[in-house]
N, C-alpha and C. Protein backbone atom coordinates (compact mmCIF):
# COMPACT_ATOMS: atom_id res chain seq x y z
N MET A 1 -181.29 173.53 13.61
CA MET A 1 -180.49 174.28 14.32
C MET A 1 -180.82 174.24 15.63
N ASN A 2 -179.26 174.72 16.69
CA ASN A 2 -179.02 175.04 17.69
C ASN A 2 -179.20 176.39 18.22
N CYS A 3 -180.69 176.03 18.92
CA CYS A 3 -181.11 177.23 19.80
C CYS A 3 -181.30 177.11 20.89
N TYR A 4 -180.90 176.50 21.67
CA TYR A 4 -180.66 176.59 23.50
C TYR A 4 -178.71 175.57 23.30
N PRO A 5 -177.96 177.02 24.28
CA PRO A 5 -176.75 176.15 23.76
C PRO A 5 -177.04 176.05 25.71
N ASP A 6 -176.00 175.04 25.99
CA ASP A 6 -176.48 174.29 27.38
C ASP A 6 -176.57 175.84 28.07
N GLU A 7 -175.83 176.90 28.39
CA GLU A 7 -176.01 177.64 29.78
C GLU A 7 -176.29 179.16 29.19
N SER A 8 -176.38 179.41 28.02
CA SER A 8 -177.11 180.62 27.46
C SER A 8 -177.45 180.93 25.93
N PHE A 9 -178.06 181.51 25.36
CA PHE A 9 -178.66 181.96 24.39
C PHE A 9 -179.04 183.35 24.18
N TRP A 10 -179.04 183.47 22.76
CA TRP A 10 -179.07 184.90 22.58
C TRP A 10 -180.58 184.83 22.04
N VAL A 11 -180.70 186.25 22.93
CA VAL A 11 -182.64 186.91 22.52
C VAL A 11 -182.37 187.88 21.58
N ALA A 12 -183.50 188.63 21.34
CA ALA A 12 -184.20 190.02 20.44
C ALA A 12 -184.68 190.56 21.69
N VAL A 13 -184.13 192.09 22.10
CA VAL A 13 -184.20 193.00 22.52
C VAL A 13 -185.16 194.25 21.92
N GLN A 14 -186.26 194.18 22.04
CA GLN A 14 -186.94 195.79 21.37
C GLN A 14 -186.65 196.54 21.76
N VAL A 15 -186.37 197.37 21.41
CA VAL A 15 -186.21 199.17 21.90
C VAL A 15 -186.50 200.08 21.40
N ARG A 16 -186.07 201.11 21.93
CA ARG A 16 -186.88 202.23 21.19
C ARG A 16 -186.65 203.06 20.30
N SER A 17 -187.16 203.24 19.12
CA SER A 17 -186.41 204.00 18.18
C SER A 17 -185.29 204.32 18.14
N ARG A 18 -183.86 204.52 17.61
CA ARG A 18 -182.81 204.95 17.26
C ARG A 18 -182.06 204.71 18.99
N HIS A 19 -182.97 203.79 19.94
CA HIS A 19 -181.47 203.44 20.99
C HIS A 19 -180.95 202.60 20.82
N GLU A 20 -180.86 201.46 19.39
CA GLU A 20 -180.06 200.50 19.09
C GLU A 20 -178.34 200.15 20.27
N GLN A 21 -177.80 201.63 20.12
CA GLN A 21 -176.57 201.84 20.39
C GLN A 21 -176.32 202.16 21.66
N ILE A 22 -176.86 202.52 22.18
CA ILE A 22 -177.27 203.44 23.35
C ILE A 22 -177.81 201.94 24.52
N VAL A 23 -178.53 201.02 23.78
CA VAL A 23 -179.08 199.90 24.77
C VAL A 23 -177.99 198.82 24.38
N ALA A 24 -177.82 198.51 23.63
CA ALA A 24 -175.70 197.59 23.70
C ALA A 24 -174.63 197.95 24.86
N LEU A 25 -175.08 199.58 24.41
CA LEU A 25 -173.82 200.02 25.66
C LEU A 25 -174.23 199.51 26.94
N HIS A 26 -174.95 200.28 27.76
CA HIS A 26 -175.58 199.44 28.49
C HIS A 26 -175.50 198.43 29.04
N LEU A 27 -175.82 197.30 28.25
CA LEU A 27 -176.02 196.07 28.43
C LEU A 27 -174.95 195.28 28.46
N ARG A 28 -173.59 196.30 28.16
CA ARG A 28 -172.17 195.63 27.72
C ARG A 28 -171.54 196.32 29.36
N TYR A 29 -172.21 197.03 29.87
CA TYR A 29 -172.08 197.59 30.87
C TYR A 29 -172.49 196.63 32.25
N LYS A 30 -173.37 196.15 32.12
CA LYS A 30 -173.98 195.66 32.84
C LYS A 30 -173.46 193.84 33.20
N GLY A 31 -172.65 193.82 32.00
CA GLY A 31 -171.72 192.20 31.63
C GLY A 31 -172.63 191.15 30.40
N TYR A 32 -173.12 191.86 29.86
CA TYR A 32 -174.12 191.39 28.69
C TYR A 32 -173.27 191.01 27.31
N GLU A 33 -173.35 189.82 26.32
CA GLU A 33 -172.79 189.87 25.49
C GLU A 33 -174.02 190.48 24.42
N GLU A 34 -173.95 191.71 23.30
CA GLU A 34 -174.89 192.09 22.92
C GLU A 34 -174.47 192.17 21.35
N PHE A 35 -175.38 192.24 20.49
CA PHE A 35 -174.90 192.78 18.95
C PHE A 35 -175.78 193.39 18.41
N VAL A 36 -175.00 194.50 17.75
CA VAL A 36 -175.99 195.00 17.34
C VAL A 36 -175.75 195.17 15.47
N PRO A 37 -176.12 194.41 14.80
CA PRO A 37 -175.42 194.48 13.24
C PRO A 37 -175.80 195.88 12.34
N THR A 38 -175.05 196.19 11.98
CA THR A 38 -174.73 197.20 10.61
C THR A 38 -175.10 197.63 9.21
N TYR A 39 -175.23 198.21 8.75
CA TYR A 39 -175.08 198.18 7.00
C TYR A 39 -174.74 199.52 6.86
N MET A 40 -174.25 199.83 5.68
CA MET A 40 -174.16 201.31 5.42
C MET A 40 -175.31 201.90 4.48
N GLN A 41 -175.93 202.85 4.96
CA GLN A 41 -177.51 203.35 4.33
C GLN A 41 -177.34 204.59 3.84
N ARG A 42 -177.34 204.72 2.19
CA ARG A 42 -177.47 205.69 1.49
C ARG A 42 -178.25 206.70 2.36
N VAL A 43 -177.50 208.24 2.31
CA VAL A 43 -178.34 208.90 2.87
C VAL A 43 -179.20 210.13 1.69
N LYS A 44 -180.38 210.27 1.97
CA LYS A 44 -181.73 210.71 0.87
C LYS A 44 -180.89 212.05 0.60
N SER A 45 -180.75 212.57 1.20
CA SER A 45 -180.37 214.30 1.11
C SER A 45 -178.78 214.17 0.98
N ASP A 46 -178.44 213.02 0.49
CA ASP A 46 -176.71 213.37 -0.07
C ASP A 46 -176.87 212.20 -0.79
N ARG A 47 -176.77 211.78 -2.02
CA ARG A 47 -176.52 210.48 -2.45
C ARG A 47 -175.24 209.81 -2.52
N ALA A 48 -174.34 210.95 -2.64
CA ALA A 48 -172.68 210.50 -2.13
C ALA A 48 -172.21 210.03 -0.80
N ALA A 49 -173.29 209.90 0.13
CA ALA A 49 -173.13 209.99 1.40
C ALA A 49 -173.68 208.77 2.01
N CYS A 50 -173.09 208.31 2.56
CA CYS A 50 -173.92 206.73 3.59
C CYS A 50 -173.71 206.96 4.57
N LYS A 51 -174.33 206.21 5.89
CA LYS A 51 -174.31 206.46 7.21
C LYS A 51 -174.52 204.90 7.79
N ASP A 52 -173.68 205.06 9.01
CA ASP A 52 -174.50 203.52 9.46
C ASP A 52 -175.32 203.36 9.82
N ALA A 53 -176.29 202.28 9.89
CA ALA A 53 -177.60 201.57 10.12
C ALA A 53 -177.75 200.57 10.76
N PRO A 54 -178.86 200.31 11.33
CA PRO A 54 -179.34 199.20 12.17
C PRO A 54 -179.49 198.41 11.11
N LEU A 55 -179.02 196.59 10.70
CA LEU A 55 -179.72 195.83 9.81
C LEU A 55 -181.55 195.71 10.59
N PHE A 56 -181.75 195.69 11.73
CA PHE A 56 -183.11 194.80 12.50
C PHE A 56 -183.20 196.69 13.32
N PRO A 57 -183.65 197.33 12.71
CA PRO A 57 -184.11 198.92 13.74
C PRO A 57 -184.79 198.36 14.41
N GLY A 58 -184.72 198.44 15.68
CA GLY A 58 -185.41 198.72 16.84
C GLY A 58 -185.68 197.07 18.25
N TYR A 59 -184.62 196.59 16.90
CA TYR A 59 -183.66 195.49 18.07
C TYR A 59 -182.23 195.25 18.46
N VAL A 60 -182.12 194.92 19.67
CA VAL A 60 -180.83 194.85 19.77
C VAL A 60 -180.65 193.05 20.33
N PHE A 61 -179.85 192.47 19.73
CA PHE A 61 -179.07 191.14 20.28
C PHE A 61 -178.94 191.15 21.47
N CYS A 62 -178.88 190.22 22.33
CA CYS A 62 -178.29 189.80 23.59
C CYS A 62 -178.08 188.56 24.17
N ARG A 63 -177.24 187.79 24.74
CA ARG A 63 -177.38 186.42 25.29
C ARG A 63 -177.52 186.80 26.72
N TYR A 64 -178.18 185.63 26.75
CA TYR A 64 -179.05 185.18 27.38
C TYR A 64 -178.77 184.55 28.70
N LYS A 65 -178.61 185.05 30.25
CA LYS A 65 -177.58 183.64 30.37
C LYS A 65 -178.74 182.78 31.36
N SER A 66 -178.68 181.72 31.22
CA SER A 66 -180.20 181.09 31.83
C SER A 66 -180.05 181.43 33.37
N ILE A 67 -179.33 181.16 34.18
CA ILE A 67 -179.08 181.73 35.44
C ILE A 67 -178.62 182.73 35.65
N GLY A 68 -178.78 183.83 34.83
CA GLY A 68 -178.87 185.42 35.34
C GLY A 68 -180.20 185.78 35.34
N ILE A 69 -180.75 187.53 35.46
CA ILE A 69 -181.62 187.72 35.82
C ILE A 69 -181.83 188.57 35.37
N TYR A 70 -183.38 188.42 34.54
CA TYR A 70 -184.35 188.48 33.95
C TYR A 70 -184.37 190.26 33.96
N GLY A 71 -184.87 190.43 34.93
CA GLY A 71 -184.81 191.61 35.00
C GLY A 71 -183.80 192.62 34.74
N LEU A 72 -182.56 192.60 34.91
CA LEU A 72 -181.47 193.33 34.38
C LEU A 72 -181.45 193.73 33.16
N ILE A 73 -182.01 193.37 32.28
CA ILE A 73 -182.15 193.70 31.25
C ILE A 73 -183.51 194.27 30.49
N LEU A 74 -184.67 194.05 31.44
CA LEU A 74 -185.44 194.67 31.25
C LEU A 74 -185.68 195.89 31.48
N THR A 75 -184.68 196.29 32.62
CA THR A 75 -184.60 197.79 33.69
C THR A 75 -182.96 198.57 32.67
N THR A 76 -183.36 197.95 31.86
CA THR A 76 -182.15 199.07 31.19
C THR A 76 -182.86 199.72 30.06
N PRO A 77 -182.03 201.49 30.12
CA PRO A 77 -182.70 202.52 29.53
C PRO A 77 -183.32 202.18 27.91
N GLY A 78 -184.58 202.40 27.39
CA GLY A 78 -184.61 202.19 26.58
C GLY A 78 -185.12 200.68 25.92
N VAL A 79 -184.96 200.08 26.92
CA VAL A 79 -185.92 198.54 26.11
C VAL A 79 -187.13 198.63 26.71
N ILE A 80 -188.17 198.04 25.78
CA ILE A 80 -189.62 197.73 26.10
C ILE A 80 -189.69 196.78 26.22
N ARG A 81 -188.70 195.79 25.92
CA ARG A 81 -189.48 193.64 25.79
C ARG A 81 -188.42 193.09 25.33
N ILE A 82 -188.15 191.90 25.80
CA ILE A 82 -187.99 190.95 25.50
C ILE A 82 -188.65 190.00 24.69
N LEU A 83 -188.25 189.58 23.48
CA LEU A 83 -189.36 189.03 22.56
C LEU A 83 -189.56 187.31 23.32
N GLY A 84 -191.04 186.93 23.16
CA GLY A 84 -191.20 185.63 24.17
C GLY A 84 -192.42 186.10 25.24
N ALA A 85 -192.61 184.85 26.01
CA ALA A 85 -193.02 185.06 27.36
C ALA A 85 -192.09 185.33 28.26
N PRO A 86 -193.36 186.24 29.25
CA PRO A 86 -192.63 187.05 30.88
C PRO A 86 -192.39 185.94 31.36
N GLY A 87 -190.83 186.22 31.46
CA GLY A 87 -189.77 184.91 32.12
C GLY A 87 -189.09 184.18 31.78
N LYS A 88 -189.68 184.12 30.05
CA LYS A 88 -189.15 183.13 29.23
C LYS A 88 -188.64 183.23 28.09
N PRO A 89 -187.78 184.30 27.64
CA PRO A 89 -187.74 185.04 26.36
C PRO A 89 -187.35 183.80 25.53
N SER A 90 -187.92 183.87 24.29
CA SER A 90 -187.42 183.11 22.81
C SER A 90 -186.46 183.27 22.68
N PRO A 91 -185.53 182.03 22.30
CA PRO A 91 -184.01 182.23 21.65
C PRO A 91 -184.37 182.50 20.26
N VAL A 92 -183.04 183.06 19.64
CA VAL A 92 -182.75 183.68 18.26
C VAL A 92 -181.78 182.36 18.19
N CYS A 93 -182.09 181.73 17.40
CA CYS A 93 -181.24 180.56 17.16
C CYS A 93 -179.73 180.39 16.65
N GLU A 94 -178.70 179.94 17.47
CA GLU A 94 -177.37 180.84 16.96
C GLU A 94 -176.91 180.27 15.67
N GLU A 95 -176.80 180.26 15.01
CA GLU A 95 -176.77 179.69 13.67
C GLU A 95 -177.32 181.17 12.45
N GLU A 96 -178.19 181.51 12.82
CA GLU A 96 -178.31 182.66 12.72
C GLU A 96 -177.66 183.84 12.79
N ILE A 97 -177.81 183.73 14.22
CA ILE A 97 -176.41 184.82 14.72
C ILE A 97 -175.18 184.86 13.75
N ILE A 98 -174.49 183.73 13.96
CA ILE A 98 -173.69 183.44 13.39
C ILE A 98 -173.27 184.01 11.37
N SER A 99 -174.54 183.84 10.96
CA SER A 99 -174.35 183.89 9.72
C SER A 99 -174.43 185.58 9.58
N VAL A 100 -175.05 186.27 10.70
CA VAL A 100 -175.26 187.85 10.18
C VAL A 100 -173.88 187.97 10.77
N ARG A 101 -173.33 187.60 11.85
CA ARG A 101 -171.76 188.28 12.26
C ARG A 101 -171.06 188.15 10.62
N LYS A 102 -171.24 187.48 10.00
CA LYS A 102 -170.30 186.53 9.14
C LYS A 102 -170.61 187.73 7.98
N ILE A 103 -171.67 187.76 7.42
CA ILE A 103 -171.94 189.17 6.91
C ILE A 103 -171.28 190.62 7.22
N VAL A 104 -172.12 190.87 8.19
CA VAL A 104 -171.20 192.35 8.51
C VAL A 104 -170.07 192.27 8.79
N SER A 105 -169.15 191.00 8.75
CA SER A 105 -167.86 191.36 8.74
C SER A 105 -167.16 190.91 7.48
N SER A 106 -167.83 190.64 6.43
CA SER A 106 -167.16 190.47 5.22
C SER A 106 -166.81 191.47 4.50
N GLY A 107 -167.42 192.69 4.94
CA GLY A 107 -167.41 193.89 3.92
C GLY A 107 -167.87 193.78 2.81
N MET A 108 -168.70 193.15 2.62
CA MET A 108 -169.44 192.96 1.35
C MET A 108 -170.54 193.50 0.94
N PRO A 109 -170.94 193.67 -0.45
CA PRO A 109 -172.85 195.02 -0.18
C PRO A 109 -173.55 194.38 0.54
N SER A 110 -174.36 194.69 1.85
CA SER A 110 -175.70 193.95 2.42
C SER A 110 -176.39 195.10 2.92
N GLY A 111 -177.98 194.24 3.24
CA GLY A 111 -178.63 195.39 3.49
C GLY A 111 -180.10 194.51 3.86
N PRO A 112 -181.27 195.20 4.94
CA PRO A 112 -182.21 194.60 5.17
C PRO A 112 -182.88 193.62 3.77
N ALA A 113 -183.22 192.90 3.57
CA ALA A 113 -184.08 192.25 2.87
C ALA A 113 -185.96 191.92 3.22
N PRO A 114 -186.52 191.87 2.07
CA PRO A 114 -187.87 191.39 2.78
C PRO A 114 -188.27 190.32 3.28
N TYR A 115 -189.07 189.98 4.54
CA TYR A 115 -188.93 188.44 4.94
C TYR A 115 -189.61 187.83 4.11
N GLN A 116 -189.40 186.38 3.96
CA GLN A 116 -189.94 185.38 3.18
C GLN A 116 -190.61 186.05 1.63
N MET A 117 -189.59 187.33 1.13
CA MET A 117 -190.33 187.58 -0.40
C MET A 117 -190.61 186.31 -1.16
N TYR A 118 -188.90 185.21 -0.98
CA TYR A 118 -188.63 184.25 -2.42
C TYR A 118 -189.37 183.14 -1.56
N LEU A 119 -189.53 181.97 -2.75
CA LEU A 119 -189.68 181.17 -2.59
C LEU A 119 -188.58 180.45 -3.09
N GLY A 120 -188.46 178.59 -2.37
CA GLY A 120 -187.63 178.36 -3.48
C GLY A 120 -186.59 177.28 -2.22
N LYS A 121 -186.41 176.83 -2.70
CA LYS A 121 -185.15 175.29 -1.81
C LYS A 121 -183.93 176.42 -1.04
N LYS A 122 -183.95 176.40 -0.01
CA LYS A 122 -182.01 177.01 0.54
C LYS A 122 -181.17 175.91 0.21
N VAL A 123 -179.55 176.67 0.08
CA VAL A 123 -178.70 176.20 -0.04
C VAL A 123 -178.11 176.61 0.77
N ARG A 124 -176.95 175.81 0.69
CA ARG A 124 -175.60 175.71 1.79
C ARG A 124 -174.55 176.51 0.78
N ILE A 125 -173.60 177.04 1.12
CA ILE A 125 -172.29 177.98 0.29
C ILE A 125 -171.38 177.02 0.34
N ALA A 126 -171.22 176.46 -0.19
CA ALA A 126 -169.68 175.77 -0.34
C ALA A 126 -168.53 176.38 -0.52
N SER A 127 -167.50 177.73 -0.50
CA SER A 127 -166.90 177.89 -0.24
C SER A 127 -166.76 179.32 0.00
N GLY A 128 -165.61 180.09 0.66
CA GLY A 128 -165.38 181.48 0.24
C GLY A 128 -165.76 181.94 1.93
N ALA A 129 -165.83 183.11 2.15
CA ALA A 129 -166.12 183.96 3.34
C ALA A 129 -167.44 183.32 4.08
N PHE A 130 -168.52 182.81 3.25
CA PHE A 130 -169.74 182.79 3.25
C PHE A 130 -169.93 180.66 3.90
N ALA A 131 -168.84 180.47 3.34
CA ALA A 131 -168.75 178.90 3.71
C ALA A 131 -169.77 178.02 4.89
N GLY A 132 -170.53 177.40 4.55
CA GLY A 132 -171.83 176.69 5.46
C GLY A 132 -173.10 177.97 5.96
N MET A 133 -173.23 179.32 5.52
CA MET A 133 -174.07 179.56 5.72
C MET A 133 -175.06 179.03 4.63
N THR A 134 -176.70 179.24 5.11
CA THR A 134 -177.54 178.52 4.60
C THR A 134 -178.78 179.92 4.21
N GLY A 135 -178.96 179.66 3.33
CA GLY A 135 -180.50 180.88 2.71
C GLY A 135 -180.81 180.58 1.40
N THR A 136 -181.63 181.35 0.61
CA THR A 136 -182.37 181.69 -0.27
C THR A 136 -181.55 182.33 -1.71
N VAL A 137 -181.02 182.00 -2.45
CA VAL A 137 -180.55 182.10 -3.53
C VAL A 137 -181.10 183.36 -4.42
N VAL A 138 -180.75 184.78 -4.85
CA VAL A 138 -181.91 185.34 -5.33
C VAL A 138 -180.77 185.94 -6.30
N ARG A 139 -181.69 186.11 -7.61
CA ARG A 139 -180.59 187.22 -8.91
C ARG A 139 -181.30 188.09 -9.53
N VAL A 140 -180.59 189.53 -9.38
CA VAL A 140 -180.85 190.84 -9.85
C VAL A 140 -179.49 191.47 -10.48
N LYS A 141 -180.18 191.53 -11.65
CA LYS A 141 -179.03 192.79 -12.31
C LYS A 141 -177.18 191.72 -12.99
N ASN A 142 -178.02 190.35 -12.73
CA ASN A 142 -176.87 189.45 -13.12
C ASN A 142 -175.83 189.33 -12.26
N LYS A 143 -176.33 189.87 -11.15
CA LYS A 143 -175.23 189.53 -9.64
C LYS A 143 -176.62 188.61 -8.37
N HIS A 144 -175.56 187.93 -7.53
CA HIS A 144 -176.25 186.69 -6.53
C HIS A 144 -176.66 187.42 -5.53
N ARG A 145 -177.52 186.98 -4.90
CA ARG A 145 -177.53 187.38 -3.69
C ARG A 145 -177.85 186.37 -2.09
N LEU A 146 -177.22 185.98 -1.28
CA LEU A 146 -178.14 185.65 -0.24
C LEU A 146 -179.29 186.05 0.41
N ILE A 147 -179.91 185.29 0.27
CA ILE A 147 -180.88 185.85 1.61
C ILE A 147 -180.75 185.25 2.91
N VAL A 148 -180.81 185.01 4.06
CA VAL A 148 -180.61 184.99 5.35
C VAL A 148 -181.29 185.38 6.40
N SER A 149 -182.67 184.76 7.06
CA SER A 149 -183.37 185.27 7.58
C SER A 149 -183.51 185.08 9.27
N VAL A 150 -183.36 186.00 10.33
CA VAL A 150 -183.41 185.79 11.19
C VAL A 150 -185.29 185.15 11.56
N GLU A 151 -185.63 184.18 12.55
CA GLU A 151 -187.01 183.43 12.12
C GLU A 151 -188.15 184.55 13.00
N LEU A 152 -187.15 184.48 14.09
CA LEU A 152 -188.04 185.51 15.26
C LEU A 152 -188.14 186.36 14.80
N LEU A 153 -187.53 187.34 14.51
CA LEU A 153 -188.26 188.76 14.05
C LEU A 153 -188.35 189.13 12.58
N ARG A 154 -188.64 187.77 12.21
CA ARG A 154 -190.02 187.68 10.60
C ARG A 154 -189.36 188.87 9.67
N LYS A 155 -187.45 188.77 10.15
CA LYS A 155 -186.74 190.01 8.92
C LYS A 155 -185.50 189.21 8.12
N ALA A 156 -185.06 189.92 7.03
CA ALA A 156 -183.88 188.95 6.68
C ALA A 156 -183.08 190.14 6.14
N VAL A 157 -181.77 189.57 5.87
CA VAL A 157 -180.49 190.41 5.16
C VAL A 157 -179.94 189.57 3.90
N ALA A 158 -179.60 190.52 3.51
CA ALA A 158 -179.53 190.24 2.24
C ALA A 158 -177.89 190.36 2.05
N VAL A 159 -176.96 189.55 1.02
CA VAL A 159 -175.25 189.84 1.34
C VAL A 159 -174.95 189.33 -0.13
N GLU A 160 -174.03 190.34 -0.88
CA GLU A 160 -174.01 189.55 -2.29
C GLU A 160 -172.50 188.89 -2.12
N ILE A 161 -173.32 187.82 -3.00
CA ILE A 161 -171.52 186.36 -3.09
C ILE A 161 -171.65 185.80 -4.61
N ASP A 162 -170.34 185.32 -4.54
CA ASP A 162 -169.46 184.97 -5.73
C ASP A 162 -170.42 183.74 -6.49
N PHE A 163 -170.74 183.92 -7.45
CA PHE A 163 -171.55 182.58 -8.14
C PHE A 163 -170.57 181.20 -7.88
N ASN A 164 -169.75 181.51 -7.81
CA ASN A 164 -168.94 180.16 -7.82
C ASN A 164 -169.05 179.43 -6.29
N THR A 165 -169.14 180.24 -5.66
CA THR A 165 -169.19 179.37 -4.32
C THR A 165 -170.39 178.74 -4.11
N LEU A 166 -171.04 178.64 -4.53
CA LEU A 166 -172.67 177.86 -5.34
C LEU A 166 -172.21 176.45 -4.92
N PRO A 167 -173.26 175.77 -4.34
CA PRO A 167 -172.58 174.13 -4.80
C PRO A 167 -173.66 174.03 -6.52
N PRO A 168 -172.77 173.18 -7.13
CA PRO A 168 -173.38 173.31 -8.53
C PRO A 168 -174.51 172.13 -9.06
N VAL A 169 -174.50 171.36 -7.66
CA VAL A 169 -175.84 170.87 -7.22
C VAL A 169 -176.70 171.37 -7.23
N GLU A 170 -177.01 172.87 -6.51
CA GLU A 170 -178.15 173.38 -6.35
C GLU A 170 -178.15 174.73 -7.39
N ILE A 171 -177.26 174.97 -8.20
CA ILE A 171 -177.88 176.17 -8.89
C ILE A 171 -179.43 175.95 -9.63
N SER A 172 -180.01 174.79 -10.26
CA SER A 172 -181.50 174.72 -10.69
C SER A 172 -182.31 175.39 -9.56
N VAL A 173 -181.95 175.70 -8.46
CA VAL A 173 -182.92 176.12 -7.22
C VAL A 173 -183.21 178.17 -7.58
N LEU A 174 -182.20 178.20 -8.02
CA LEU A 174 -182.60 179.81 -8.26
C LEU A 174 -183.42 180.20 -8.95
N LEU A 175 -183.85 181.20 -8.37
CA LEU A 175 -184.79 181.98 -8.97
C LEU A 175 -184.27 182.47 -10.05
N PRO A 176 -186.14 183.03 -11.55
CA PRO A 176 -185.60 183.30 -12.24
C PRO A 176 -185.12 184.84 -12.05
N THR A 177 -184.48 185.16 -13.27
CA THR A 177 -183.87 186.77 -12.74
C THR A 177 -185.34 187.46 -12.63
N MET A 178 -184.89 188.54 -11.59
CA MET A 178 -185.91 189.81 -10.92
C MET A 178 -185.46 191.04 -11.74
N GLU A 179 -186.47 191.45 -12.48
CA GLU A 179 -186.45 192.47 -13.05
C GLU A 179 -185.83 193.84 -11.88
N PRO A 180 -184.72 194.86 -11.89
CA PRO A 180 -184.68 195.64 -11.76
C PRO A 180 -185.98 195.94 -10.99
N SER A 181 -186.13 197.33 -12.10
CA SER A 181 -187.74 197.77 -11.44
C SER A 181 -188.53 197.31 -11.14
N SER A 182 -188.92 195.48 -10.81
CA SER A 182 -189.85 195.39 -9.75
C SER A 182 -188.94 195.33 -8.33
N ALA A 183 -187.25 195.09 -8.20
CA ALA A 183 -186.81 194.80 -7.22
C ALA A 183 -186.98 196.61 -6.11
N SER A 184 -186.93 197.30 -7.23
CA SER A 184 -186.86 198.96 -6.40
C SER A 184 -188.09 198.98 -6.27
N ARG A 185 -189.10 198.59 -6.25
CA ARG A 185 -190.53 199.04 -6.01
C ARG A 185 -190.76 197.90 -4.89
N LEU A 186 -189.85 197.14 -4.12
CA LEU A 186 -190.61 196.51 -3.30
C LEU A 186 -189.03 196.70 -1.90
N ILE A 187 -187.99 196.82 -2.68
CA ILE A 187 -187.26 197.89 -1.24
C ILE A 187 -186.58 199.07 -1.42
N ASN A 188 -185.98 199.48 -0.33
CA ASN A 188 -185.41 200.70 -0.51
C ASN A 188 -183.90 200.65 -0.82
N ASP A 189 -183.46 201.79 -1.28
CA ASP A 189 -182.07 201.50 -1.90
C ASP A 189 -181.20 202.35 -0.81
N ALA A 190 -179.73 201.47 -0.56
CA ALA A 190 -179.24 201.32 0.17
C ALA A 190 -177.54 201.06 -0.30
N SER A 191 -176.21 200.92 0.11
CA SER A 191 -175.17 201.26 -0.41
C SER A 191 -174.15 200.79 0.70
N ARG A 192 -173.57 199.99 0.10
CA ARG A 192 -171.58 200.18 1.17
C ARG A 192 -170.82 201.45 0.72
N GLY A 193 -170.09 201.47 1.83
CA GLY A 193 -169.16 202.44 1.27
C GLY A 193 -168.57 202.22 -0.20
N THR A 194 -168.36 201.22 -0.28
CA THR A 194 -167.54 200.31 -2.07
C THR A 194 -168.50 200.76 -3.16
N GLU A 195 -169.47 201.25 -2.79
CA GLU A 195 -170.78 201.17 -3.79
C GLU A 195 -171.06 202.42 -4.34
N ARG A 196 -170.30 203.37 -3.17
CA ARG A 196 -170.48 205.01 -3.51
C ARG A 196 -169.78 205.62 -4.68
N GLN A 197 -168.59 205.07 -5.14
CA GLN A 197 -168.19 205.47 -6.63
C GLN A 197 -168.65 204.86 -7.70
N ALA A 198 -169.65 204.04 -7.29
CA ALA A 198 -170.65 203.47 -9.00
C ALA A 198 -170.45 204.29 -9.86
N MET A 199 -170.81 203.41 -11.04
CA MET A 199 -170.83 204.16 -12.34
C MET A 199 -172.25 205.53 -11.87
N ARG A 200 -172.07 206.43 -12.96
CA ARG A 200 -173.10 207.55 -12.47
C ARG A 200 -174.37 207.26 -13.15
N PRO A 201 -176.03 207.10 -12.70
CA PRO A 201 -176.40 207.18 -13.57
C PRO A 201 -177.09 208.06 -15.10
N HIS A 202 -177.69 207.75 -15.64
CA HIS A 202 -177.81 208.96 -16.65
C HIS A 202 -179.29 208.98 -16.29
N LYS A 203 -179.77 210.16 -16.67
CA LYS A 203 -180.81 210.95 -16.30
C LYS A 203 -181.67 210.26 -16.53
N GLY A 204 -182.57 210.91 -15.05
CA GLY A 204 -184.03 210.29 -15.32
C GLY A 204 -183.77 208.91 -14.63
N SER A 205 -182.53 208.39 -14.36
CA SER A 205 -182.80 206.90 -13.46
C SER A 205 -182.13 206.91 -12.95
N ARG A 206 -181.96 205.82 -11.72
CA ARG A 206 -181.58 205.18 -10.53
C ARG A 206 -180.12 205.19 -10.32
N PRO A 207 -179.81 205.89 -9.03
CA PRO A 207 -178.40 205.40 -9.31
C PRO A 207 -177.67 203.78 -9.14
N ASN A 208 -176.61 203.66 -9.76
CA ASN A 208 -176.58 202.58 -9.46
C ASN A 208 -175.58 201.90 -8.20
N LEU A 209 -176.62 202.13 -7.15
CA LEU A 209 -176.34 201.83 -5.96
C LEU A 209 -176.71 200.37 -5.73
N MET A 210 -176.55 199.29 -4.25
CA MET A 210 -176.93 198.29 -4.14
C MET A 210 -178.43 198.77 -3.36
N PRO A 211 -179.31 197.77 -3.83
CA PRO A 211 -180.63 198.25 -2.94
C PRO A 211 -180.28 197.39 -1.29
N SER A 212 -181.82 197.77 -0.69
CA SER A 212 -181.46 197.56 0.74
C SER A 212 -181.53 196.27 0.88
N TYR A 213 -182.15 195.41 0.10
CA TYR A 213 -182.64 194.29 -0.51
C TYR A 213 -181.13 193.60 -0.80
N LEU A 214 -180.48 194.48 -1.71
CA LEU A 214 -179.38 193.84 -2.23
C LEU A 214 -179.80 193.43 -3.81
């Protein structure tokens, strides 16, 4: 992966809780390119309602200019630190940012996923909206999810994909089907707005909504 472009690179800025958007706004005013990826999260008090929530709570991605002033970011209200050594921020790989952008803009059900919960060989998507993206594919409830990691944060995001876009030669690397009950114990429920009118659950069962890891 290309982590260090010639003139600038992405860094992860740790921010105070629920300050992602306001920090991003301040950084934008200072002339920095910022990125706060979000997804639709179910509201616990209202199963039919969803809200926009950060995919990586407590972090804002910012394009750091190698000739820029390090302190301009650190003095931004709400900023705690930039990941890396003092004065030498660690880069977030460009390909990871591109992949997360594709997921957010795709409109497909997506959400946070446990980092390194899955073992197995990574695959490269052959076609469709996620063509060229690399990640681990898992299967839950007969649907396929692509798990993409941001290594610096040790966090991951999952998105529903079309099985037909997977390279035929790589199908054998899919993990065994994961029981929905096992998945629900590991992750929190979440959904895209498109999932809000999904099939109503039977009494005593979980709603048919996309879990946060998908």
